[in-house]
Protein backbone atom coordinates (compact mmCIF):
# COMPACT_ATOMS: atom_id res chain seq x y z
CA MET A 1 0.00 0.00 0.00
CA ALA A 2 2.99 2.29 0.34
CA LEU A 3 3.26 4.87 -2.42
CA ASN A 4 6.43 6.28 -3.83
CA LYS A 5 8.00 9.38 -2.34
CA ALA A 6 7.26 11.59 -5.34
CA PHE A 7 3.57 10.93 -5.04
CA SER A 8 3.77 11.46 -1.26
CA ASP A 9 5.48 14.83 -1.66
CA LYS A 10 2.90 15.95 -4.16
CA THR A 11 0.13 14.73 -1.94
CA ARG A 12 1.58 16.75 0.93
CA ALA A 13 1.58 19.78 -1.37
CA ARG A 14 -2.10 19.29 -2.13
CA ALA A 15 -2.81 18.85 1.57
CA THR A 16 -0.94 22.08 2.27
CA SER A 17 -3.01 23.84 -0.38
CA ARG A 18 -6.22 22.53 1.16
CA ARG A 19 -4.98 23.54 4.60
CA THR A 20 -4.19 27.05 3.43
CA SER A 21 -7.63 27.31 1.91
CA LEU A 22 -9.41 26.26 5.10
CA VAL A 23 -7.34 28.45 7.39
CA SER A 24 -7.77 31.50 5.20
CA ARG A 25 -11.54 31.16 5.09
CA ALA A 26 -11.66 32.50 8.62
CA ALA A 27 -10.17 35.73 7.30
CA LEU A 28 -12.55 35.56 4.35
CA ALA A 29 -15.53 35.64 6.69
CA ALA A 30 -14.92 39.22 7.78
CA VAL A 31 -14.44 40.49 4.24
CA SER A 32 -17.43 38.64 2.84
CA ALA A 33 -19.74 39.68 5.66
CA ALA A 34 -19.04 43.33 4.90
CA LEU A 35 -19.58 42.82 1.18
CA LEU A 36 -22.81 40.95 1.77
CA THR A 37 -24.24 43.51 4.15
CA ALA A 38 -23.37 46.34 1.79
CA GLY A 39 -24.47 44.81 -1.48
CA PHE A 40 -26.76 41.82 -1.22
CA THR A 41 -29.90 43.56 0.07
CA SER A 42 -29.94 46.16 -2.69
CA ALA A 43 -29.22 43.55 -5.35
CA CYS A 44 -32.07 41.30 -4.19
CA SER A 45 -34.58 44.14 -3.97
CA SER A 46 -34.72 44.29 -7.79
CA GLY A 47 -34.22 40.64 -8.69
CA ASN A 48 -30.51 40.43 -9.22
CA GLY A 49 -30.24 43.97 -10.53
CA ASN A 50 -27.98 42.93 -13.40
CA ASP A 51 -28.96 43.47 -17.03
CA ALA A 52 -25.63 42.02 -18.12
CA ILE A 53 -27.09 38.51 -17.75
CA ASN A 54 -29.11 39.07 -20.93
CA GLN A 55 -26.19 40.45 -22.95
CA ASN A 56 -23.52 38.83 -25.14
CA MET A 57 -25.34 35.49 -25.18
CA ASP A 58 -24.03 34.70 -28.67
CA GLY A 59 -20.57 36.17 -28.15
CA ARG A 60 -17.65 34.04 -29.33
CA GLY A 61 -13.93 34.50 -29.12
CA PRO A 62 -10.99 34.07 -26.72
CA ILE A 63 -11.87 33.68 -23.05
CA THR A 64 -10.06 33.70 -19.72
CA TYR A 65 -10.48 30.95 -17.13
CA VAL A 66 -9.71 31.91 -13.54
CA GLU A 67 -8.85 29.39 -10.80
CA GLY A 68 -6.64 29.07 -7.74
CA LYS A 69 -3.11 27.76 -8.06
CA ASP A 70 -2.93 24.40 -9.83
CA THR A 71 -1.30 22.05 -7.31
CA THR A 72 -2.32 18.79 -9.00
CA GLU A 73 0.43 16.28 -9.64
CA ASN A 74 -0.21 16.25 -13.39
CA GLY A 75 -0.89 19.97 -13.92
CA ALA A 76 -4.52 19.07 -14.57
CA VAL A 77 -5.78 22.60 -15.16
CA LYS A 78 -3.09 23.37 -17.70
CA GLN A 79 -3.80 20.04 -19.41
CA LEU A 80 -7.49 20.94 -19.65
CA ILE A 81 -6.67 24.28 -21.23
CA GLU A 82 -4.23 22.71 -23.69
CA ARG A 83 -6.76 20.05 -24.69
CA TRP A 84 -9.42 22.68 -25.34
CA ASN A 85 -7.08 25.03 -27.21
CA ALA A 86 -5.89 22.26 -29.53
CA GLY A 87 -9.40 21.95 -30.91
CA HIS A 88 -10.46 25.60 -30.80
CA PRO A 89 -7.86 27.77 -32.54
CA ASP A 90 -10.22 30.75 -32.78
CA GLU A 91 -11.56 30.47 -29.23
CA GLN A 92 -8.43 30.05 -27.17
CA VAL A 93 -8.62 29.88 -23.37
CA THR A 94 -6.07 31.73 -21.24
CA PHE A 95 -5.53 30.42 -17.72
CA LYS A 96 -5.44 33.13 -15.06
CA GLU A 97 -3.87 31.32 -12.11
CA GLN A 98 -4.65 32.83 -8.73
CA SER A 99 -2.84 32.26 -5.45
CA ASN A 100 -3.31 29.34 -3.06
CA ASP A 101 -5.07 31.59 -0.57
CA ALA A 102 -8.87 31.28 -0.65
CA SER A 103 -9.50 34.78 0.73
CA GLN A 104 -7.26 36.28 -1.97
CA GLN A 105 -9.04 34.22 -4.62
CA TYR A 106 -12.43 35.40 -3.39
CA ASP A 107 -11.37 39.05 -3.14
CA ASP A 108 -9.96 38.98 -6.66
CA LEU A 109 -13.15 37.55 -8.14
CA ALA A 110 -15.44 39.82 -6.13
CA GLN A 111 -13.51 42.95 -7.10
CA HIS A 112 -13.76 42.10 -10.79
CA MET A 113 -17.47 41.36 -10.52
CA LYS A 114 -18.25 44.52 -8.52
CA ALA A 115 -16.42 46.53 -11.16
CA LYS A 116 -18.39 44.71 -13.90
CA GLN A 117 -15.17 43.83 -15.68
CA SER A 118 -15.39 41.52 -18.66
CA ASP A 119 -11.89 40.05 -18.49
CA TYR A 120 -12.86 37.05 -16.31
CA ASP A 121 -15.08 34.87 -18.49
CA VAL A 122 -15.21 31.60 -16.54
CA MET A 123 -14.46 31.43 -12.82
CA ALA A 124 -13.76 28.44 -10.58
CA LEU A 125 -15.82 29.09 -7.45
CA ASP A 126 -15.26 27.31 -4.18
CA VAL A 127 -18.53 25.43 -3.61
CA PRO A 128 -19.85 27.71 -0.79
CA TRP A 129 -19.40 30.85 -2.91
CA THR A 130 -21.75 29.75 -5.68
CA ALA A 131 -24.96 30.87 -3.98
CA GLU A 132 -23.59 34.31 -3.15
CA PHE A 133 -22.35 34.95 -6.68
CA ALA A 134 -25.70 33.77 -8.07
CA ALA A 135 -27.72 35.91 -5.66
CA LYS A 136 -25.73 39.00 -6.59
CA GLY A 137 -26.27 38.47 -10.32
CA TRP A 138 -22.56 37.98 -10.95
CA ILE A 139 -22.84 34.66 -12.79
CA GLN A 140 -24.91 33.44 -15.69
CA PRO A 141 -27.85 31.12 -14.95
CA LEU A 142 -27.50 27.87 -16.89
CA LYS A 143 -31.02 27.49 -18.19
CA ASP A 144 -32.96 27.64 -21.47
CA SER A 145 -30.44 28.03 -24.31
CA PHE A 146 -27.63 27.95 -21.73
CA SER A 147 -28.68 24.66 -20.17
CA VAL A 148 -26.04 22.07 -19.35
CA ASP A 149 -26.64 18.31 -19.31
CA THR A 150 -25.86 17.12 -15.79
CA SER A 151 -27.37 13.63 -16.10
CA THR A 152 -23.97 11.91 -15.95
CA LEU A 153 -22.81 13.82 -12.87
CA LEU A 154 -23.05 12.89 -9.21
CA SER A 155 -26.25 14.52 -8.00
CA PRO A 156 -24.78 16.16 -4.86
CA THR A 157 -22.29 18.03 -7.05
CA VAL A 158 -25.16 19.37 -9.15
CA ALA A 159 -26.98 20.44 -5.98
CA SER A 160 -23.89 22.39 -4.91
CA ALA A 161 -24.06 24.40 -8.14
CA THR A 162 -27.79 25.10 -7.86
CA TYR A 163 -29.36 28.12 -6.19
CA GLN A 164 -33.11 28.47 -5.64
CA GLY A 165 -33.86 25.79 -8.18
CA THR A 166 -31.62 27.12 -10.96
CA LEU A 167 -28.24 25.73 -12.03
CA TYR A 168 -25.60 28.46 -12.00
CA ALA A 169 -22.38 26.53 -12.57
CA ALA A 170 -20.92 23.30 -13.87
CA PRO A 171 -19.30 21.18 -11.14
CA ARG A 172 -15.60 20.94 -12.11
CA ASN A 173 -14.30 18.65 -9.39
CA THR A 174 -15.63 17.56 -6.06
CA ASN A 175 -14.40 16.29 -2.70
CA GLY A 176 -15.74 14.36 0.25
CA GLY A 177 -14.68 13.31 3.70
CA LEU A 178 -13.52 9.75 4.40
CA LEU A 179 -13.07 7.65 7.52
CA TYR A 180 -9.49 6.38 7.79
CA TYR A 181 -9.28 3.42 10.15
CA ARG A 182 -6.74 0.97 11.53
CA LYS A 183 -7.67 -2.24 9.77
CA ASP A 184 -5.25 -4.21 11.96
CA LEU A 185 -7.37 -3.19 14.97
CA VAL A 186 -10.81 -2.94 13.34
CA PRO A 187 -11.01 -5.29 10.33
CA ASN A 188 -14.54 -4.11 9.45
CA PRO A 189 -15.02 -0.33 9.57
CA PRO A 190 -18.06 0.98 11.46
CA LYS A 191 -21.00 2.17 9.39
CA THR A 192 -22.75 4.10 12.16
CA TRP A 193 -21.75 6.39 15.00
CA PRO A 194 -22.92 3.90 17.65
CA GLU A 195 -20.73 1.22 16.05
CA LEU A 196 -17.71 3.54 15.93
CA LEU A 197 -18.08 4.61 19.54
CA ALA A 198 -18.50 0.99 20.66
CA ASP A 199 -15.11 0.24 19.07
CA CYS A 200 -13.40 2.88 21.20
CA ASN A 201 -12.71 0.27 23.88
CA ILE A 202 -10.19 -1.26 21.49
CA ALA A 203 -8.32 2.06 21.28
CA ARG A 204 -8.35 2.48 25.06
CA ASP A 205 -6.93 -0.99 25.58
CA ARG A 206 -3.99 -0.04 23.34
CA GLY A 207 -3.43 3.38 24.83
CA ILE A 208 -4.26 5.38 21.69
CA GLY A 209 -6.95 7.90 20.81
CA CYS A 210 -10.16 6.59 19.33
CA TYR A 211 -11.53 9.22 16.94
CA ALA A 212 -10.50 12.64 15.68
CA GLY A 213 -11.39 15.08 12.99
CA GLN A 214 -10.69 18.80 12.72
CA PHE A 215 -12.05 20.52 15.82
CA ALA A 216 -10.13 23.79 16.08
CA PRO A 217 -12.42 26.84 15.63
CA TYR A 218 -12.04 27.36 11.85
CA GLU A 219 -13.72 26.14 8.66
CA GLY A 220 -12.71 22.57 9.41
CA LEU A 221 -14.92 22.55 12.50
CA THR A 222 -17.85 23.83 10.45
CA VAL A 223 -17.36 20.84 8.16
CA ASN A 224 -16.99 18.31 10.98
CA ALA A 225 -19.97 19.61 12.95
CA ALA A 226 -22.13 19.87 9.84
CA GLU A 227 -21.38 16.29 8.86
CA VAL A 228 -22.64 14.84 12.14
CA ILE A 229 -25.62 17.21 12.35
CA ASN A 230 -26.59 16.38 8.76
CA ALA A 231 -26.10 12.65 9.41
CA TYR A 232 -28.69 12.85 12.19
CA GLY A 233 -31.17 14.68 9.96
CA GLY A 234 -30.43 18.26 10.94
CA SER A 235 -29.98 21.18 8.55
CA PHE A 236 -28.90 24.81 8.71
CA VAL A 237 -30.81 26.93 6.20
CA GLY A 238 -34.01 26.56 4.22
CA PRO A 239 -34.36 26.53 0.42
CA ASP A 240 -34.32 30.34 0.33
CA GLY A 241 -30.77 30.32 1.71
CA LYS A 242 -31.76 32.72 4.50
CA THR A 243 -34.20 31.01 6.87
CA ALA A 244 -32.43 29.33 9.80
CA THR A 245 -33.44 25.70 10.34
CA VAL A 246 -30.77 24.36 12.69
CA ASP A 247 -32.86 24.57 15.88
CA SER A 248 -34.25 21.02 15.81
CA PRO A 249 -34.06 17.78 17.80
CA GLN A 250 -32.09 16.21 14.94
CA SER A 251 -29.40 18.91 15.07
CA ARG A 252 -29.16 18.55 18.84
CA ALA A 253 -28.76 14.79 18.56
CA GLY A 254 -25.92 15.17 16.06
CA LEU A 255 -23.98 17.78 18.01
CA GLN A 256 -24.52 15.78 21.20
CA VAL A 257 -22.56 12.89 19.67
CA LEU A 258 -19.46 15.04 19.31
CA ALA A 259 -19.89 16.79 22.66
CA ASP A 260 -20.28 13.52 24.56
CA ALA A 261 -17.38 11.88 22.71
CA TYR A 262 -15.06 14.74 23.61
CA LYS A 263 -16.25 14.82 27.22
CA ASN A 264 -15.69 11.11 27.82
CA GLY A 265 -12.36 10.92 25.96
CA ASP A 266 -13.46 8.99 22.86
CA ILE A 267 -12.20 12.12 21.10
CA PRO A 268 -8.81 12.83 22.74
CA LYS A 269 -8.44 16.16 24.50
CA GLU A 270 -5.65 17.36 22.21
CA ALA A 271 -7.98 17.04 19.21
CA ILE A 272 -9.69 20.31 20.19
CA SER A 273 -6.76 22.09 18.53
CA PHE A 274 -6.54 19.79 15.49
CA LYS A 275 -6.64 21.16 11.97
CA GLU A 276 -5.76 18.97 8.98
CA PRO A 277 -2.01 18.62 9.61
CA GLU A 278 -2.26 17.86 13.32
CA SER A 279 -5.02 15.28 12.89
CA GLN A 280 -3.30 13.60 9.95
CA ASN A 281 0.04 13.49 11.75
CA ALA A 282 -1.59 11.84 14.75
CA PHE A 283 -3.07 9.09 12.58
CA ALA A 284 0.12 8.58 10.56
CA GLN A 285 2.07 8.25 13.81
CA GLY A 286 -0.25 5.50 15.02
CA LYS A 287 -1.87 7.62 17.74
CA LEU A 288 -5.46 7.30 16.47
CA MET A 289 -7.72 4.43 15.50
CA PHE A 290 -10.17 6.51 13.43
CA LEU A 291 -9.69 9.78 11.55
CA ARG A 292 -12.08 11.86 9.49
CA THR A 293 -10.18 13.68 6.74
CA TRP A 294 -9.94 14.19 2.98
CA PRO A 295 -8.84 11.82 0.18
CA ASN A 296 -5.59 13.71 -0.39
CA PHE A 297 -4.21 12.23 2.86
CA TYR A 298 -4.21 8.73 1.36
CA GLY A 299 -0.76 9.00 -0.19
CA VAL A 300 0.77 10.35 3.02
CA ALA A 301 -0.84 7.63 5.15
CA GLY A 302 0.52 5.00 2.78
CA SER A 303 4.02 6.42 2.46
CA ASP A 304 7.18 4.90 3.90
CA ALA A 305 7.25 7.61 6.56
CA SER A 306 3.87 6.55 7.95
CA ALA A 307 3.74 4.20 10.94
CA VAL A 308 0.46 2.77 9.64
CA SER A 309 1.31 2.47 5.95
CA ASP A 310 0.35 -1.21 5.78
CA ASN A 311 -2.38 -1.16 8.39
CA PHE A 312 -5.01 1.36 7.35
CA GLY A 313 -8.11 1.39 5.23
CA VAL A 314 -10.71 3.94 4.14
CA ALA A 315 -14.48 3.88 4.34
CA PRO A 316 -17.41 6.30 4.04
CA LEU A 317 -18.12 8.39 7.10
CA PRO A 318 -20.49 6.86 9.66
CA GLY A 319 -24.06 8.05 10.06
CA LYS A 320 -26.97 7.57 12.43
CA ASP A 321 -28.24 4.36 10.82
CA GLY A 322 -25.81 3.81 7.94
CA ILE A 323 -23.47 5.78 5.68
CA GLY A 324 -23.14 9.33 6.92
CA ALA A 325 -23.38 12.73 5.27
CA SER A 326 -19.99 13.98 4.11
CA THR A 327 -19.58 17.67 3.49
CA LEU A 328 -19.07 18.35 -0.20
CA GLY A 329 -16.02 20.26 -1.38
CA GLY A 330 -14.56 21.16 -4.77
CA TYR A 331 -14.89 23.81 -7.47
CA ASN A 332 -17.86 24.92 -9.55
CA ALA A 333 -17.12 26.60 -12.89
CA ALA A 334 -19.37 29.59 -13.59
CA ILE A 335 -19.71 32.06 -16.46
CA SER A 336 -19.31 35.71 -15.54
CA ALA A 337 -22.39 37.79 -16.26
CA TYR A 338 -20.02 40.39 -17.72
CA SER A 339 -18.27 38.09 -20.21
CA GLU A 340 -18.41 39.25 -23.80
CA HIS A 341 -17.96 35.72 -25.18
CA LYS A 342 -20.60 33.74 -23.32
CA ALA A 343 -21.29 31.24 -26.11
CA THR A 344 -17.65 30.16 -26.05
CA ALA A 345 -17.69 30.14 -22.25
CA LEU A 346 -20.74 27.85 -22.29
CA ASP A 347 -19.03 25.40 -24.62
CA PHE A 348 -16.01 25.42 -22.32
CA LEU A 349 -18.19 24.59 -19.33
CA ARG A 350 -19.68 21.66 -21.24
CA PHE A 351 -16.16 20.52 -22.08
CA LEU A 352 -15.12 20.62 -18.41
CA ILE A 353 -17.72 18.00 -17.49
CA SER A 354 -17.02 15.80 -20.52
CA GLU A 355 -15.54 12.34 -20.03
CA ASP A 356 -12.27 13.41 -21.64
CA ALA A 357 -11.85 16.40 -19.32
CA GLN A 358 -12.98 14.55 -16.21
CA ARG A 359 -10.38 11.85 -16.81
CA ILE A 360 -7.69 14.55 -16.76
CA VAL A 361 -9.19 15.83 -13.50
CA ALA A 362 -9.21 12.33 -11.98
CA GLU A 363 -5.63 11.59 -13.06
CA GLY A 364 -4.63 14.71 -11.14
CA ALA A 365 -6.01 13.12 -7.96
CA LEU A 366 -8.95 15.51 -7.88
CA PRO A 367 -12.25 13.70 -7.29
CA PRO A 368 -14.17 13.88 -10.58
CA VAL A 369 -17.85 14.77 -10.90
CA ARG A 370 -18.80 12.09 -13.44
CA ALA A 371 -20.21 9.06 -11.65
CA SER A 372 -18.71 6.54 -14.09
CA MET A 373 -15.16 7.53 -13.17
CA TYR A 374 -15.50 5.94 -9.74
CA ASP A 375 -15.94 2.48 -11.28
CA ASP A 376 -12.97 2.76 -13.64
CA PRO A 377 -10.50 -0.09 -12.91
CA ALA A 378 -7.46 1.95 -13.95
CA LEU A 379 -8.37 4.83 -11.64
CA ILE A 380 -9.17 2.47 -8.76
CA ALA A 381 -5.78 0.81 -9.20
CA LYS A 382 -4.08 4.19 -8.91
CA PHE A 383 -6.38 5.59 -6.22
CA PRO A 384 -7.76 2.69 -4.15
CA TYR A 385 -10.00 5.00 -2.14
CA MET A 386 -12.25 5.68 -5.16
CA PRO A 387 -15.06 3.20 -4.28
CA ALA A 388 -15.31 4.52 -0.72
CA LEU A 389 -15.22 8.09 -1.99
CA LYS A 390 -18.04 7.35 -4.44
CA ASP A 391 -20.25 6.17 -1.57
CA SER A 392 -19.21 9.17 0.50
CA ILE A 393 -20.05 11.68 -2.21
CA ALA A 394 -23.29 9.93 -3.14
CA SER A 395 -24.61 10.69 0.34
CA ALA A 396 -22.83 14.03 0.70
CA VAL A 397 -24.49 17.30 1.63
CA PRO A 398 -23.21 20.68 0.38
CA ARG A 399 -22.19 23.22 2.95
CA PRO A 400 -25.17 25.50 3.70
CA VAL A 401 -26.35 26.91 0.38
CA THR A 402 -26.68 30.56 1.28
CA PRO A 403 -25.43 33.90 -0.02
CA PHE A 404 -24.35 34.62 3.56
CA TYR A 405 -22.08 31.60 3.91
CA PRO A 406 -19.11 33.17 5.78
CA ALA A 407 -21.38 34.44 8.58
CA VAL A 408 -23.30 31.15 8.69
CA SER A 409 -20.05 29.19 8.93
CA LYS A 410 -18.85 31.42 11.77
CA ALA A 411 -22.07 30.78 13.71
CA ILE A 412 -21.66 27.02 13.27
CA GLN A 413 -18.00 26.78 14.24
CA ASP A 414 -18.15 29.18 17.19
CA ASN A 415 -21.09 27.43 18.82
CA ALA A 416 -19.88 23.91 18.03
CA TYR A 417 -16.55 24.76 19.68
CA ALA A 418 -18.35 26.08 22.75
CA ALA A 419 -20.35 22.83 22.99
CA LEU A 420 -17.27 20.62 22.61
CA THR A 421 -15.31 22.52 25.25
CA GLY A 422 -18.27 22.58 27.65
CA LYS A 423 -18.62 26.36 27.63
CA GLU A 424 -22.17 25.92 26.36
CA SER A 425 -24.63 23.08 26.59
CA VAL A 426 -25.69 21.49 23.32
CA ASP A 427 -29.08 23.23 23.66
CA GLN A 428 -27.36 26.59 24.11
CA ALA A 429 -25.00 25.95 21.19
CA ILE A 430 -27.79 25.02 18.79
CA GLY A 431 -29.73 28.08 19.95
CA GLY A 432 -26.66 30.20 19.30
CA MET A 433 -26.29 28.76 15.80
CA GLN A 434 -29.94 29.54 15.11
CA LYS A 435 -29.57 33.16 16.22
CA GLY A 436 -26.32 33.60 14.29
CA ILE A 437 -27.82 32.23 11.08
CA GLU A 438 -30.94 34.36 11.54
CA ALA A 439 -28.76 37.45 11.94
CA ALA A 440 -26.80 36.53 8.80
CA GLY A 441 -29.99 36.03 6.79
CA SER A 442 -31.36 39.42 7.85
CA GLY A 443 -28.12 41.15 6.88
CA SER A 444 -27.53 42.35 10.44
C-alpha cells in the first residue's frame, strides 16, 4: 500500500493547499460579511439587478479561465486548457492562475465582478461561494439556451451548483470526507456512529486515541460539525438560503454525539486544537484508530514515513443508521455575467464535465464529478479510495447553500466549539447557531 516518495510529496503539497484554503476562510468571513451587508440587500430588492445577464449570449472568441493555483500532480488545469485550445484555434482559453489563498481568490473575483469587468469569463468558485455569486447576479444562470446536461454527474455536485432551483455553474471537481481506520485493529469499519463509539474500547486498551477530525475553531470545524448534524437529519438553512433551520431535535442529537465523545475521551483532549495537519500526523504516527479527513491524505498515510502504511483502510463516514453525510467540497465553474464571449464560455463549461476532461481531472487526484469515473479499474488501481469516496459523495451534503455563507459558517464553528469545550450546553450551542444564522440572513 505504500506509495512512492514523489507521489507522497505531491500529496503533501495538495494537503498544504487545502490547509491554506481552510485556514484562510476565517479571514474571508470578515471580508465577505461586509460585502454581503453592503451589497446583497440592494441587489435582491430588484431581482438580481444585473442586465448584463441578458447580454452577449451569442458572443464568441478568446476567453479567460480563472482558478486558484494548480497544485495537482499532473498539472490538470493546464492540461485541460491545452486540450481545449488544440481543438479551438479561434476560441483560445487563457488560464489566469490565482494564489493558493482562498481569501485572496475570493477578493480577486469579487472585485472584478463589482467593477463589472469583462476580463474574467469563466471562474472556478469554491462550492460555498456559488450561492452568493448567483444571488448577486454575478454569474450566468445555466437554463434555457444555456442549459447544461448534468445527467452523468453525481447529483450532490449538481446540488452544490444550484441556487433556488436554478443551475448556476458546472461542477468541475468535487471532494468528500472519508473515515481512515486501523484495519489491523478494526477489520470491518463501522458504518454508524454507535458502532464507531463501541469500538473505542479497542483504542483504550492499546493506549491510543479513538476518533479525531478537525475541531479547532475554523472552517474545518464547520465541516466536521455539519457532517454529524446532517447525518442525524439536521440542517442549517431553508431553500431560500436565509431562513435558519438548525434549531431542531435532529441537530441537537448530532452535536450531542461530538460533545459527549469529547467529554468522555473517545475524542482525545488534544484534538480540540486539530486542523488537517495535526489530525493527519496523529493518525500517521499510530496515535489514532479513526480519523475523518480528505482523500488527499491517502498517499501520506501509505508512504514509507507513515507508521500505519500497511495497516489502514478507508471507508465512508459513519451516520446515524448507515453511511453518513460527508460535506461536499470542490470547485464549480461559472460564467461571468459580464463576459463578452458567453457562447464560447458555455461550450467550455460543457467541455469541463465531458468524459475526456474529467479523466484529466481524476488523473490529477482531484475527485471527478462524473459518476462513471469511480468504477474505472485503472483509476481504482491508482487511487484505491475511489469506491469509498463514491459512496461518500453519493450521500454528501453541500455546505449550507446561502449567499451569507461566511457568517453562517462562523455561527456554526463558534457554537460547536463552545459545545465541545463545555462552555455551552448542546441546547445553548444550537440556539446560538440559530440566532447567528438568523442574523446573517437578515443582513444584520
